[in-house]
């Protein structure tokens, strides 16, 4: 989701707020690639989950969530759109926790020795790689929702929406060093939260 097209996105948001269905479709298309990449990334390392759930089904459900949200919410800005998209992605992934690790979850005891690929050092590079099993993945998404607002927003823009740190700084109207600091602090807190959940 490149933020270089800020002006174009704001134009689509303005049209969508006036009820233009085509503008809403284009906003959804803008979110599609990131939604699909995230769901595939989460699923590819866990064949046990793929036995129960199709990656594209989770992607479709997340996209439907975003579509419903766009119908119900008056978008205020490009920033609001990115935050809304990231929230819908996280909510869909968190539903995996309820479905597979709740009291009746049929993947509750699923374990795998297959380690997730560590692209660019993993999301928690410098502190830990990404979660090592499926249950930790869903705990990870839960922990993101518990971060302080300013840390959660930076983490969501970079991780869920796929912005670079420079793009996130531009969108938020803060310095690059501020984004770098918040990104690092968010990753440290997530690492600590995941570590605590396994002790």
N, C-alpha and C. Protein backbone atom coordinates (compact mmCIF):
# COMPACT_ATOMS: atom_id res chain seq x y z
N UNK A 1 0.83 -1.19 0.00
CA UNK A 1 0.00 0.00 0.00
C UNK A 1 0.87 1.25 0.00
N UNK A 2 1.37 1.67 -1.12
CA UNK A 2 2.26 2.81 -1.14
C UNK A 2 1.55 4.09 -0.74
N UNK A 3 2.20 4.84 0.13
CA UNK A 3 1.57 6.07 0.58
C UNK A 3 1.90 7.23 -0.35
N UNK A 4 2.72 7.00 -1.37
CA UNK A 4 3.04 8.03 -2.34
C UNK A 4 1.81 8.52 -3.08
N UNK A 5 0.75 7.70 -3.10
CA UNK A 5 -0.49 8.08 -3.79
C UNK A 5 -1.51 8.64 -2.82
N UNK A 6 -1.02 9.33 -1.81
CA UNK A 6 -1.85 10.00 -0.80
C UNK A 6 -3.00 10.80 -1.38
N UNK A 7 -2.67 11.68 -2.33
CA UNK A 7 -3.68 12.57 -2.91
C UNK A 7 -4.76 11.79 -3.63
N UNK A 8 -4.34 10.76 -4.36
CA UNK A 8 -5.31 9.91 -5.06
C UNK A 8 -6.20 9.19 -4.07
N UNK A 9 -5.59 8.66 -3.01
CA UNK A 9 -6.37 7.96 -1.98
C UNK A 9 -7.37 8.91 -1.32
N UNK A 10 -6.93 10.12 -1.01
CA UNK A 10 -7.84 11.07 -0.38
C UNK A 10 -9.00 11.40 -1.32
N UNK A 11 -8.71 11.47 -2.61
CA UNK A 11 -9.77 11.70 -3.58
C UNK A 11 -10.79 10.57 -3.58
N UNK A 12 -10.30 9.32 -3.50
CA UNK A 12 -11.20 8.17 -3.44
C UNK A 12 -12.02 8.19 -2.16
N UNK A 13 -11.38 8.57 -1.06
CA UNK A 13 -12.09 8.64 0.22
C UNK A 13 -13.20 9.67 0.15
N UNK A 14 -12.90 10.82 -0.44
CA UNK A 14 -13.93 11.87 -0.57
C UNK A 14 -15.11 11.37 -1.40
N UNK A 15 -14.80 10.66 -2.50
CA UNK A 15 -15.86 10.12 -3.34
C UNK A 15 -16.66 9.04 -2.61
N UNK A 16 -15.94 8.17 -1.89
CA UNK A 16 -16.61 7.09 -1.15
C UNK A 16 -17.55 7.67 -0.09
N UNK A 17 -17.11 8.74 0.56
CA UNK A 17 -17.95 9.38 1.58
C UNK A 17 -19.20 10.01 0.99
N UNK A 18 -19.16 10.26 -0.32
CA UNK A 18 -20.35 10.80 -0.98
C UNK A 18 -21.19 9.69 -1.61
N UNK A 19 -20.83 8.44 -1.30
CA UNK A 19 -21.62 7.31 -1.75
C UNK A 19 -21.21 6.69 -3.06
N UNK A 20 -20.04 7.03 -3.56
CA UNK A 20 -19.56 6.49 -4.83
C UNK A 20 -19.09 5.05 -4.62
N UNK A 21 -19.87 4.10 -5.16
CA UNK A 21 -19.56 2.68 -4.95
C UNK A 21 -18.25 2.29 -5.63
N UNK A 22 -17.96 2.87 -6.79
CA UNK A 22 -16.72 2.55 -7.50
C UNK A 22 -15.51 2.97 -6.67
N UNK A 23 -15.60 4.10 -5.99
CA UNK A 23 -14.49 4.58 -5.15
C UNK A 23 -14.24 3.60 -4.01
N UNK A 24 -15.30 3.07 -3.42
CA UNK A 24 -15.14 2.09 -2.35
C UNK A 24 -14.49 0.82 -2.87
N UNK A 25 -14.87 0.42 -4.08
CA UNK A 25 -14.24 -0.77 -4.69
C UNK A 25 -12.75 -0.54 -4.90
N UNK A 26 -12.37 0.64 -5.32
CA UNK A 26 -10.97 0.94 -5.56
C UNK A 26 -10.18 0.98 -4.25
N UNK A 27 -10.80 1.46 -3.18
CA UNK A 27 -10.15 1.44 -1.88
C UNK A 27 -9.91 0.00 -1.42
N UNK A 28 -10.89 -0.86 -1.66
CA UNK A 28 -10.74 -2.27 -1.32
C UNK A 28 -9.62 -2.91 -2.13
N UNK A 29 -9.56 -2.59 -3.41
CA UNK A 29 -8.50 -3.13 -4.26
C UNK A 29 -7.14 -2.70 -3.73
N UNK A 30 -7.08 -1.49 -3.21
CA UNK A 30 -5.82 -0.96 -2.67
C UNK A 30 -5.34 -1.79 -1.49
N UNK A 31 -6.29 -2.37 -0.73
CA UNK A 31 -5.95 -3.15 0.45
C UNK A 31 -5.70 -4.63 0.13
N UNK A 32 -6.13 -5.08 -1.03
CA UNK A 32 -6.13 -6.51 -1.34
C UNK A 32 -4.76 -7.17 -1.24
N UNK A 33 -3.76 -6.58 -1.89
CA UNK A 33 -2.45 -7.22 -1.95
C UNK A 33 -1.89 -7.47 -0.57
N UNK A 34 -2.00 -6.46 0.29
CA UNK A 34 -1.43 -6.62 1.64
C UNK A 34 -2.20 -7.65 2.44
N UNK A 35 -3.51 -7.65 2.33
CA UNK A 35 -4.32 -8.65 3.02
C UNK A 35 -3.91 -10.07 2.61
N UNK A 36 -3.76 -10.26 1.32
CA UNK A 36 -3.43 -11.60 0.83
C UNK A 36 -2.03 -12.02 1.25
N UNK A 37 -1.07 -11.11 1.18
CA UNK A 37 0.30 -11.43 1.58
C UNK A 37 0.38 -11.83 3.05
N UNK A 38 -0.35 -11.10 3.88
CA UNK A 38 -0.32 -11.39 5.32
C UNK A 38 -0.93 -12.76 5.62
N UNK A 39 -2.06 -13.06 5.03
CA UNK A 39 -2.69 -14.35 5.32
C UNK A 39 -1.84 -15.49 4.78
N UNK A 40 -1.26 -15.33 3.60
CA UNK A 40 -0.41 -16.39 3.06
C UNK A 40 0.85 -16.57 3.90
N UNK A 41 1.40 -15.47 4.37
CA UNK A 41 2.61 -15.55 5.19
C UNK A 41 2.33 -16.32 6.47
N UNK A 42 1.18 -16.06 7.07
CA UNK A 42 0.84 -16.71 8.32
C UNK A 42 0.57 -18.20 8.12
N UNK A 43 -0.02 -18.54 6.99
CA UNK A 43 -0.46 -19.91 6.76
C UNK A 43 0.61 -20.83 6.20
N UNK A 44 1.53 -20.29 5.42
CA UNK A 44 2.41 -21.18 4.66
C UNK A 44 3.30 -22.05 5.53
N UNK A 45 3.59 -21.59 6.74
CA UNK A 45 4.48 -22.35 7.60
C UNK A 45 3.75 -23.31 8.52
N UNK A 46 2.42 -23.36 8.42
CA UNK A 46 1.66 -24.20 9.34
C UNK A 46 0.71 -25.10 8.58
N UNK A 47 1.22 -26.22 8.05
CA UNK A 47 0.36 -27.12 7.27
C UNK A 47 -0.80 -27.65 8.08
N UNK A 48 -0.67 -27.74 9.39
CA UNK A 48 -1.77 -28.21 10.22
C UNK A 48 -2.98 -27.32 10.12
N UNK A 49 -2.76 -26.01 10.04
CA UNK A 49 -3.87 -25.09 9.90
C UNK A 49 -4.49 -25.20 8.51
N UNK A 50 -3.66 -25.40 7.50
CA UNK A 50 -4.19 -25.49 6.14
C UNK A 50 -5.10 -26.68 5.96
N UNK A 51 -4.99 -27.67 6.86
CA UNK A 51 -5.92 -28.80 6.79
C UNK A 51 -7.33 -28.36 7.17
N UNK A 52 -7.44 -27.30 7.95
CA UNK A 52 -8.74 -26.86 8.46
C UNK A 52 -9.28 -25.61 7.76
N UNK A 53 -8.39 -24.82 7.20
CA UNK A 53 -8.80 -23.50 6.72
C UNK A 53 -8.03 -23.17 5.44
N UNK A 54 -8.71 -22.64 4.46
CA UNK A 54 -8.04 -22.22 3.23
C UNK A 54 -7.56 -20.78 3.39
N UNK A 55 -6.32 -20.53 2.98
CA UNK A 55 -5.76 -19.19 3.09
C UNK A 55 -6.65 -18.15 2.43
N UNK A 56 -7.12 -18.47 1.22
CA UNK A 56 -7.93 -17.50 0.50
C UNK A 56 -9.27 -17.24 1.19
N UNK A 57 -9.75 -18.21 1.97
CA UNK A 57 -10.99 -17.98 2.72
C UNK A 57 -10.78 -16.92 3.80
N UNK A 58 -9.65 -17.01 4.50
CA UNK A 58 -9.35 -16.02 5.53
C UNK A 58 -9.17 -14.65 4.89
N UNK A 59 -8.47 -14.61 3.76
CA UNK A 59 -8.29 -13.37 3.03
C UNK A 59 -9.64 -12.77 2.64
N UNK A 60 -10.52 -13.61 2.10
CA UNK A 60 -11.84 -13.13 1.67
C UNK A 60 -12.64 -12.60 2.85
N UNK A 61 -12.56 -13.30 3.98
CA UNK A 61 -13.29 -12.85 5.17
C UNK A 61 -12.77 -11.50 5.65
N UNK A 62 -11.45 -11.32 5.62
CA UNK A 62 -10.87 -10.04 6.04
C UNK A 62 -11.30 -8.93 5.10
N UNK A 63 -11.34 -9.24 3.81
CA UNK A 63 -11.76 -8.25 2.83
C UNK A 63 -13.23 -7.88 3.03
N UNK A 64 -14.05 -8.86 3.36
CA UNK A 64 -15.46 -8.59 3.62
C UNK A 64 -15.63 -7.72 4.86
N UNK A 65 -14.78 -7.97 5.86
CA UNK A 65 -14.82 -7.11 7.07
C UNK A 65 -14.53 -5.66 6.69
N UNK A 66 -13.50 -5.49 5.88
CA UNK A 66 -13.13 -4.14 5.48
C UNK A 66 -14.24 -3.50 4.65
N UNK A 67 -14.85 -4.28 3.78
CA UNK A 67 -15.95 -3.77 2.97
C UNK A 67 -17.10 -3.29 3.86
N UNK A 68 -17.46 -4.10 4.85
CA UNK A 68 -18.54 -3.71 5.77
C UNK A 68 -18.15 -2.46 6.56
N UNK A 69 -16.88 -2.40 6.96
CA UNK A 69 -16.42 -1.25 7.73
C UNK A 69 -16.50 0.03 6.89
N UNK A 70 -16.16 -0.07 5.61
CA UNK A 70 -16.23 1.10 4.73
C UNK A 70 -17.66 1.57 4.54
N UNK A 71 -18.61 0.61 4.60
CA UNK A 71 -20.03 0.98 4.49
C UNK A 71 -20.51 1.69 5.75
N UNK A 72 -19.95 1.29 6.90
CA UNK A 72 -20.47 1.77 8.19
C UNK A 72 -19.75 3.02 8.72
N UNK A 73 -18.53 3.25 8.23
CA UNK A 73 -17.70 4.31 8.81
C UNK A 73 -17.48 5.43 7.81
N UNK A 74 -17.56 6.64 8.28
CA UNK A 74 -17.21 7.80 7.47
C UNK A 74 -15.71 8.02 7.59
N UNK A 75 -14.99 7.74 6.53
CA UNK A 75 -13.54 7.89 6.58
C UNK A 75 -13.16 9.36 6.72
N UNK A 76 -12.21 9.62 7.60
CA UNK A 76 -11.80 10.99 7.86
C UNK A 76 -10.56 11.39 7.07
N UNK A 77 -9.70 10.39 6.74
CA UNK A 77 -8.43 10.71 6.11
C UNK A 77 -7.79 9.44 5.60
N UNK A 78 -6.67 9.59 4.88
CA UNK A 78 -5.89 8.44 4.44
C UNK A 78 -5.39 7.66 5.66
N UNK A 79 -4.97 8.38 6.66
CA UNK A 79 -4.50 7.75 7.90
C UNK A 79 -5.61 6.90 8.51
N UNK A 80 -6.82 7.41 8.54
CA UNK A 80 -7.95 6.68 9.08
C UNK A 80 -8.20 5.40 8.27
N UNK A 81 -8.07 5.51 6.94
CA UNK A 81 -8.26 4.34 6.08
C UNK A 81 -7.24 3.24 6.41
N UNK A 82 -5.97 3.61 6.52
CA UNK A 82 -4.95 2.62 6.83
C UNK A 82 -5.18 1.98 8.20
N UNK A 83 -5.56 2.80 9.18
CA UNK A 83 -5.84 2.26 10.51
C UNK A 83 -7.02 1.29 10.48
N UNK A 84 -8.05 1.65 9.71
CA UNK A 84 -9.23 0.80 9.60
C UNK A 84 -8.88 -0.52 8.92
N UNK A 85 -8.09 -0.46 7.84
CA UNK A 85 -7.70 -1.67 7.13
C UNK A 85 -6.88 -2.59 8.04
N UNK A 86 -5.91 -2.02 8.75
CA UNK A 86 -5.09 -2.83 9.65
C UNK A 86 -5.91 -3.49 10.74
N UNK A 87 -6.90 -2.76 11.26
CA UNK A 87 -7.75 -3.31 12.31
C UNK A 87 -8.56 -4.50 11.80
N UNK A 88 -9.09 -4.40 10.59
CA UNK A 88 -9.90 -5.51 10.05
C UNK A 88 -9.04 -6.75 9.81
N UNK A 89 -7.81 -6.55 9.34
CA UNK A 89 -6.90 -7.68 9.16
C UNK A 89 -6.66 -8.36 10.50
N UNK A 90 -6.34 -7.56 11.50
CA UNK A 90 -6.02 -8.14 12.81
C UNK A 90 -7.23 -8.85 13.41
N UNK A 91 -8.41 -8.27 13.25
CA UNK A 91 -9.62 -8.90 13.81
C UNK A 91 -9.87 -10.27 13.17
N UNK A 92 -9.67 -10.36 11.86
CA UNK A 92 -9.89 -11.65 11.20
C UNK A 92 -8.89 -12.69 11.67
N UNK A 93 -7.63 -12.29 11.82
CA UNK A 93 -6.62 -13.23 12.28
C UNK A 93 -6.87 -13.63 13.74
N UNK A 94 -7.38 -12.70 14.53
CA UNK A 94 -7.69 -13.02 15.93
C UNK A 94 -8.84 -14.01 16.04
N UNK A 95 -9.73 -14.01 15.05
CA UNK A 95 -10.81 -14.98 15.07
C UNK A 95 -10.28 -16.41 14.97
N UNK A 96 -9.08 -16.55 14.41
CA UNK A 96 -8.46 -17.88 14.38
C UNK A 96 -8.23 -18.39 15.80
N UNK A 97 -7.89 -17.48 16.67
CA UNK A 97 -7.64 -17.86 18.07
C UNK A 97 -8.90 -18.46 18.68
N UNK A 98 -10.01 -17.79 18.47
CA UNK A 98 -11.26 -18.30 19.03
C UNK A 98 -11.65 -19.63 18.39
N UNK A 99 -11.43 -19.70 17.07
CA UNK A 99 -11.88 -20.89 16.34
C UNK A 99 -11.02 -22.11 16.64
N UNK A 100 -9.71 -21.91 16.72
CA UNK A 100 -8.82 -23.07 16.84
C UNK A 100 -8.25 -23.29 18.23
N UNK A 101 -8.27 -22.26 19.08
CA UNK A 101 -7.66 -22.41 20.39
C UNK A 101 -8.60 -22.10 21.54
N UNK A 102 -9.89 -21.95 21.21
CA UNK A 102 -10.89 -21.83 22.26
C UNK A 102 -11.14 -23.20 22.88
N UNK A 103 -12.05 -23.28 23.85
CA UNK A 103 -12.31 -24.55 24.54
C UNK A 103 -12.62 -25.71 23.59
N UNK A 104 -13.29 -25.43 22.47
CA UNK A 104 -13.64 -26.49 21.53
C UNK A 104 -12.75 -26.48 20.28
N UNK A 105 -11.68 -25.70 20.32
CA UNK A 105 -10.84 -25.55 19.14
C UNK A 105 -10.16 -26.84 18.73
N UNK A 106 -10.36 -27.25 17.45
CA UNK A 106 -9.83 -28.54 17.04
C UNK A 106 -8.36 -28.47 16.65
N UNK A 107 -7.75 -27.28 16.67
CA UNK A 107 -6.30 -27.20 16.44
C UNK A 107 -5.58 -26.78 17.71
N UNK A 108 -6.29 -26.87 18.83
CA UNK A 108 -5.74 -26.33 20.06
C UNK A 108 -4.39 -26.95 20.43
N UNK A 109 -4.25 -28.21 20.17
CA UNK A 109 -3.02 -28.89 20.54
C UNK A 109 -2.07 -29.08 19.36
N UNK A 110 -2.33 -28.31 18.29
CA UNK A 110 -1.47 -28.42 17.11
C UNK A 110 -0.09 -27.87 17.42
N UNK A 111 0.94 -28.60 17.05
CA UNK A 111 2.31 -28.14 17.17
C UNK A 111 3.02 -28.47 15.87
N UNK A 112 4.05 -27.72 15.57
CA UNK A 112 4.84 -28.01 14.39
C UNK A 112 6.30 -27.74 14.68
N UNK A 113 7.15 -28.57 14.10
CA UNK A 113 8.58 -28.35 14.24
C UNK A 113 9.11 -27.48 13.11
N UNK A 114 8.21 -27.14 12.18
CA UNK A 114 8.62 -26.33 11.05
C UNK A 114 8.67 -24.88 11.47
N UNK A 115 9.84 -24.27 11.38
CA UNK A 115 10.00 -22.90 11.83
C UNK A 115 9.63 -21.92 10.72
N UNK A 116 8.98 -20.82 11.07
CA UNK A 116 8.62 -19.86 10.04
C UNK A 116 9.84 -19.21 9.43
N UNK A 117 9.72 -18.86 8.15
CA UNK A 117 10.83 -18.18 7.50
C UNK A 117 11.04 -16.83 8.15
N UNK A 118 12.28 -16.40 8.19
CA UNK A 118 12.63 -15.17 8.88
C UNK A 118 12.95 -14.08 7.87
N UNK A 119 11.93 -13.63 7.16
CA UNK A 119 12.14 -12.63 6.13
C UNK A 119 12.61 -11.33 6.76
N UNK A 120 13.73 -10.82 6.24
CA UNK A 120 14.31 -9.57 6.73
C UNK A 120 14.51 -9.62 8.23
N UNK A 121 14.83 -10.80 8.77
CA UNK A 121 15.13 -10.89 10.18
C UNK A 121 13.92 -11.08 11.05
N UNK A 122 12.75 -11.18 10.46
CA UNK A 122 11.54 -11.38 11.27
C UNK A 122 11.00 -10.05 11.77
N UNK A 123 9.72 -10.04 12.11
CA UNK A 123 9.09 -8.79 12.53
C UNK A 123 9.67 -8.28 13.84
N UNK A 124 10.20 -9.19 14.65
CA UNK A 124 10.78 -8.78 15.92
C UNK A 124 12.30 -8.83 15.86
N UNK A 125 12.86 -8.53 14.69
CA UNK A 125 14.31 -8.60 14.47
C UNK A 125 15.05 -7.83 15.55
N UNK A 126 16.10 -8.45 16.08
CA UNK A 126 16.89 -7.82 17.12
C UNK A 126 16.45 -8.25 18.50
N UNK A 127 15.27 -8.82 18.62
CA UNK A 127 14.78 -9.32 19.90
C UNK A 127 14.35 -10.77 19.78
N UNK A 128 13.68 -11.10 18.68
CA UNK A 128 13.22 -12.47 18.48
C UNK A 128 12.71 -12.59 17.05
N UNK A 129 12.66 -13.81 16.55
CA UNK A 129 12.04 -14.03 15.25
C UNK A 129 10.53 -13.97 15.41
N UNK A 130 9.81 -14.16 14.32
CA UNK A 130 8.36 -14.18 14.42
C UNK A 130 7.92 -15.40 15.21
N UNK A 131 6.66 -15.43 15.65
CA UNK A 131 6.19 -16.54 16.48
C UNK A 131 6.53 -17.90 15.91
N UNK A 132 6.86 -18.84 16.81
CA UNK A 132 7.37 -20.13 16.40
C UNK A 132 6.29 -21.17 16.12
N UNK A 133 5.07 -20.92 16.55
CA UNK A 133 4.00 -21.86 16.24
C UNK A 133 2.70 -21.09 16.08
N UNK A 134 1.69 -21.79 15.61
CA UNK A 134 0.44 -21.13 15.26
C UNK A 134 -0.21 -20.45 16.46
N UNK A 135 -0.19 -21.11 17.60
CA UNK A 135 -0.83 -20.51 18.77
C UNK A 135 -0.15 -19.20 19.15
N UNK A 136 1.18 -19.17 19.04
CA UNK A 136 1.89 -17.93 19.33
C UNK A 136 1.57 -16.85 18.30
N UNK A 137 1.28 -17.25 17.04
CA UNK A 137 0.89 -16.28 16.02
C UNK A 137 -0.38 -15.54 16.46
N UNK A 138 -1.37 -16.29 16.91
CA UNK A 138 -2.62 -15.62 17.28
C UNK A 138 -2.44 -14.83 18.58
N UNK A 139 -1.57 -15.30 19.48
CA UNK A 139 -1.25 -14.52 20.68
C UNK A 139 -0.58 -13.21 20.27
N UNK A 140 0.25 -13.31 19.25
CA UNK A 140 0.95 -12.13 18.73
C UNK A 140 -0.04 -11.07 18.28
N UNK A 141 -1.06 -11.46 17.50
CA UNK A 141 -2.04 -10.49 17.02
C UNK A 141 -2.85 -9.91 18.17
N UNK A 142 -3.11 -10.71 19.18
CA UNK A 142 -3.81 -10.25 20.37
C UNK A 142 -2.97 -9.20 21.10
N UNK A 143 -1.66 -9.48 21.21
CA UNK A 143 -0.76 -8.56 21.91
C UNK A 143 -0.65 -7.22 21.17
N UNK A 144 -0.71 -7.24 19.86
CA UNK A 144 -0.66 -5.99 19.09
C UNK A 144 -1.79 -5.07 19.52
N UNK A 145 -2.97 -5.65 19.73
CA UNK A 145 -4.13 -4.85 20.12
C UNK A 145 -4.02 -4.26 21.51
N UNK A 146 -3.05 -4.71 22.29
CA UNK A 146 -2.88 -4.21 23.66
C UNK A 146 -1.75 -3.18 23.77
N UNK A 147 -1.10 -2.90 22.65
CA UNK A 147 -0.05 -1.88 22.67
C UNK A 147 -0.66 -0.50 22.91
N UNK A 148 0.11 0.42 23.51
CA UNK A 148 -0.36 1.82 23.60
C UNK A 148 -0.69 2.34 22.20
N UNK A 149 -1.62 3.25 22.12
CA UNK A 149 -2.17 3.68 20.83
C UNK A 149 -1.10 4.12 19.84
N UNK A 150 -0.13 4.95 20.28
CA UNK A 150 0.85 5.47 19.33
C UNK A 150 1.79 4.37 18.82
N UNK A 151 2.07 3.38 19.68
CA UNK A 151 2.91 2.27 19.25
C UNK A 151 2.12 1.34 18.33
N UNK A 152 0.87 1.11 18.69
CA UNK A 152 0.02 0.23 17.89
C UNK A 152 -0.18 0.79 16.49
N UNK A 153 -0.36 2.11 16.40
CA UNK A 153 -0.60 2.71 15.09
C UNK A 153 0.62 2.55 14.19
N UNK A 154 1.81 2.82 14.72
CA UNK A 154 3.02 2.67 13.92
C UNK A 154 3.22 1.22 13.52
N UNK A 155 3.03 0.30 14.47
CA UNK A 155 3.21 -1.12 14.17
C UNK A 155 2.21 -1.57 13.10
N UNK A 156 0.98 -1.13 13.22
CA UNK A 156 -0.06 -1.53 12.27
C UNK A 156 0.24 -1.00 10.87
N UNK A 157 0.67 0.25 10.78
CA UNK A 157 0.96 0.82 9.47
C UNK A 157 2.09 0.08 8.78
N UNK A 158 3.11 -0.30 9.54
CA UNK A 158 4.27 -0.97 8.94
C UNK A 158 3.99 -2.45 8.71
N UNK A 159 3.42 -3.10 9.70
CA UNK A 159 3.26 -4.55 9.60
C UNK A 159 2.00 -4.96 8.83
N UNK A 160 0.85 -4.44 9.25
CA UNK A 160 -0.40 -4.86 8.62
C UNK A 160 -0.64 -4.16 7.28
N UNK A 161 -0.27 -2.88 7.19
CA UNK A 161 -0.54 -2.14 5.96
C UNK A 161 0.64 -2.13 5.00
N UNK A 162 1.82 -2.54 5.46
CA UNK A 162 2.97 -2.69 4.57
C UNK A 162 3.67 -1.40 4.20
N UNK A 163 3.47 -0.33 4.97
CA UNK A 163 4.18 0.91 4.70
C UNK A 163 5.63 0.80 5.16
N UNK A 164 6.51 1.57 4.52
CA UNK A 164 7.88 1.69 5.02
C UNK A 164 7.86 2.64 6.22
N UNK A 165 8.96 2.67 6.95
CA UNK A 165 9.04 3.60 8.07
C UNK A 165 8.95 5.04 7.58
N UNK A 166 9.56 5.32 6.43
CA UNK A 166 9.50 6.67 5.87
C UNK A 166 8.06 7.05 5.51
N UNK A 167 7.32 6.11 4.91
CA UNK A 167 5.94 6.36 4.53
C UNK A 167 5.06 6.56 5.77
N UNK A 168 5.32 5.77 6.81
CA UNK A 168 4.55 5.91 8.04
C UNK A 168 4.80 7.29 8.67
N UNK A 169 6.05 7.72 8.67
CA UNK A 169 6.37 9.04 9.22
C UNK A 169 5.65 10.13 8.44
N UNK A 170 5.64 10.01 7.12
CA UNK A 170 4.96 10.99 6.27
C UNK A 170 3.47 11.02 6.58
N UNK A 171 2.86 9.84 6.68
CA UNK A 171 1.42 9.76 6.92
C UNK A 171 1.04 10.33 8.28
N UNK A 172 1.87 10.05 9.30
CA UNK A 172 1.56 10.48 10.66
C UNK A 172 1.99 11.92 10.93
N UNK A 173 2.83 12.46 10.05
CA UNK A 173 3.30 13.83 10.26
C UNK A 173 4.29 13.94 11.39
N UNK A 174 5.10 12.89 11.57
CA UNK A 174 6.13 12.90 12.61
C UNK A 174 7.47 12.61 11.95
N UNK A 175 8.54 12.76 12.72
CA UNK A 175 9.88 12.52 12.17
C UNK A 175 10.13 11.03 11.98
N UNK A 176 11.05 10.72 11.08
CA UNK A 176 11.44 9.32 10.87
C UNK A 176 12.00 8.73 12.14
N UNK A 177 12.77 9.51 12.90
CA UNK A 177 13.34 8.98 14.14
C UNK A 177 12.26 8.62 15.15
N UNK A 178 11.16 9.37 15.15
CA UNK A 178 10.04 9.05 16.05
C UNK A 178 9.41 7.71 15.66
N UNK A 179 9.21 7.50 14.36
CA UNK A 179 8.65 6.24 13.89
C UNK A 179 9.60 5.09 14.22
N UNK A 180 10.89 5.28 13.99
CA UNK A 180 11.87 4.23 14.30
C UNK A 180 11.82 3.88 15.78
N UNK A 181 11.73 4.89 16.63
CA UNK A 181 11.69 4.64 18.08
C UNK A 181 10.42 3.88 18.47
N UNK A 182 9.27 4.30 17.93
CA UNK A 182 8.01 3.63 18.26
C UNK A 182 7.98 2.20 17.72
N UNK A 183 8.51 2.01 16.51
CA UNK A 183 8.57 0.67 15.92
C UNK A 183 9.42 -0.26 16.78
N UNK A 184 10.58 0.24 17.21
CA UNK A 184 11.45 -0.57 18.06
C UNK A 184 10.80 -0.89 19.39
N UNK A 185 10.17 0.12 20.01
CA UNK A 185 9.53 -0.11 21.30
C UNK A 185 8.36 -1.09 21.17
N UNK A 186 7.60 -0.98 20.09
CA UNK A 186 6.49 -1.91 19.87
C UNK A 186 7.00 -3.34 19.77
N UNK A 187 8.08 -3.55 19.01
CA UNK A 187 8.63 -4.90 18.85
C UNK A 187 9.16 -5.46 20.16
N UNK A 188 9.78 -4.60 20.95
CA UNK A 188 10.28 -5.05 22.26
C UNK A 188 9.12 -5.47 23.15
N UNK A 189 8.06 -4.67 23.16
CA UNK A 189 6.89 -5.01 24.00
C UNK A 189 6.23 -6.29 23.52
N UNK A 190 6.15 -6.48 22.22
CA UNK A 190 5.55 -7.72 21.70
C UNK A 190 6.42 -8.92 22.05
N UNK A 191 7.71 -8.77 21.91
CA UNK A 191 8.62 -9.85 22.30
C UNK A 191 8.40 -10.23 23.75
N UNK A 192 8.34 -9.22 24.64
CA UNK A 192 8.16 -9.47 26.06
C UNK A 192 6.81 -10.12 26.35
N UNK A 193 5.77 -9.67 25.62
CA UNK A 193 4.43 -10.22 25.82
C UNK A 193 4.40 -11.70 25.42
N UNK A 194 5.01 -12.04 24.30
CA UNK A 194 5.03 -13.43 23.84
C UNK A 194 5.86 -14.28 24.79
N UNK A 195 6.96 -13.73 25.25
CA UNK A 195 7.80 -14.49 26.20
C UNK A 195 7.02 -14.78 27.49
N UNK A 196 6.31 -13.76 27.99
CA UNK A 196 5.55 -13.93 29.23
C UNK A 196 4.43 -14.96 29.05
N UNK A 197 3.85 -15.01 27.84
CA UNK A 197 2.73 -15.94 27.61
C UNK A 197 3.17 -17.39 27.60
N UNK A 198 4.47 -17.62 27.42
CA UNK A 198 4.96 -19.01 27.38
C UNK A 198 5.57 -19.44 28.70
N UNK A 199 5.65 -18.54 29.66
CA UNK A 199 6.26 -18.88 30.96
C UNK A 199 5.21 -19.38 31.95
